[in-house]
Amino acid sequence: MRYLALLAVVAVIYFVLARRSPVTEVKEAMAQTAEVQPLTQGSRDVVPAASSSLKRPIDRTHAVLDQVKTRNGGGEF
């Protein structure tokens, strides 16, 4: 009987808190905001085709690291 009462109390608290959540306010605020711009600027460098789909992310990582090294000069992060 205790478990049933505890479950009922938790359910009542959940429904009270769920009704007070500002879902409609957040939804309206998000509808008013402008479209988000991407964080990166410029063109993407084309990575040479890899021999397998498992090697492609590693090649992309190496390409980005090389780009950072050239941008920072001495290869410091």
Protein backbone atom coordinates (compact mmCIF):
# COMPACT_ATOMS: atom_id res chain seq x y z
CA MET A 1 0.00 0.00 0.00
CA ARG A 2 2.92 2.31 0.74
CA TYR A 3 4.33 1.80 -2.73
CA LEU A 4 1.01 2.63 -4.32
CA ALA A 5 0.73 5.82 -2.27
CA LEU A 6 4.29 6.77 -3.13
CA LEU A 7 3.63 6.15 -6.81
CA ALA A 8 0.48 8.31 -6.63
CA VAL A 9 2.40 11.16 -4.95
CA VAL A 10 5.14 11.03 -7.58
CA ALA A 11 2.54 11.01 -10.36
CA VAL A 12 0.73 14.04 -8.88
CA ILE A 13 4.01 15.95 -8.52
CA TYR A 14 4.98 15.09 -12.09
CA PHE A 15 1.66 16.30 -13.51
CA VAL A 16 1.82 19.53 -11.48
CA LEU A 17 5.36 20.26 -12.63
CA ALA A 18 4.64 19.26 -16.23
CA ARG A 19 1.76 21.70 -16.45
CA ARG A 20 3.94 24.53 -15.12
CA SER A 21 6.73 23.96 -17.63
CA PRO A 22 7.17 26.87 -20.06
CA VAL A 23 6.95 24.82 -23.25
CA THR A 24 4.75 27.30 -25.11
CA GLU A 25 6.92 30.26 -24.10
CA VAL A 26 10.07 28.53 -25.27
CA LYS A 27 8.36 27.44 -28.48
CA GLU A 28 7.32 31.04 -29.24
CA ALA A 29 10.79 32.38 -28.44
CA MET A 30 12.43 29.84 -30.75
CA ALA A 31 9.99 30.72 -33.53
CA GLN A 32 10.96 34.39 -33.30
CA THR A 33 14.71 33.85 -33.51
CA ALA A 34 16.54 34.08 -36.81
CA GLU A 35 18.14 31.09 -38.47
CA VAL A 36 21.41 30.05 -36.80
CA GLN A 37 24.55 30.63 -38.84
CA PRO A 38 27.19 27.90 -39.05
CA LEU A 39 30.22 28.20 -36.78
CA THR A 40 32.78 27.65 -39.51
CA GLN A 41 33.50 30.14 -42.24
CA GLY A 42 35.01 29.61 -45.64
CA SER A 43 35.03 26.66 -47.91
CA ARG A 44 35.64 23.10 -46.85
CA ASP A 45 38.78 21.48 -48.11
CA VAL A 46 38.11 18.40 -50.13
CA VAL A 47 39.75 15.38 -48.56
CA PRO A 48 41.09 12.84 -51.03
CA ALA A 49 38.99 9.73 -51.33
CA ALA A 50 39.96 7.15 -48.75
CA SER A 51 40.31 3.48 -49.42
CA SER A 52 37.64 2.57 -46.89
CA SER A 53 34.84 4.20 -44.97
CA LEU A 54 36.73 3.60 -41.73
CA LYS A 55 39.77 5.53 -42.93
CA ARG A 56 37.81 8.56 -44.17
CA PRO A 57 37.23 10.18 -40.71
CA ILE A 58 40.89 9.70 -39.81
CA ASP A 59 41.96 11.41 -43.04
CA ARG A 60 39.57 14.28 -42.33
CA THR A 61 41.02 14.63 -38.83
CA HIS A 62 44.56 14.77 -40.21
CA ALA A 63 43.50 17.37 -42.78
CA VAL A 64 41.96 19.57 -40.08
CA LEU A 65 45.00 19.21 -37.85
CA ASP A 66 47.26 20.22 -40.75
CA GLN A 67 45.04 23.24 -41.37
CA VAL A 68 45.30 24.26 -37.71
CA LYS A 69 49.07 23.83 -37.78
CA THR A 70 49.41 26.08 -40.81
CA ARG A 71 47.08 28.68 -39.31
CA ASN A 72 48.92 28.76 -35.96
CA GLY A 73 52.39 28.82 -37.43
CA GLY A 74 54.54 26.45 -35.42
CA GLY A 75 51.94 23.76 -35.04
CA GLU A 76 50.92 24.87 -31.54
CA PHE A 77 47.33 24.39 -30.51
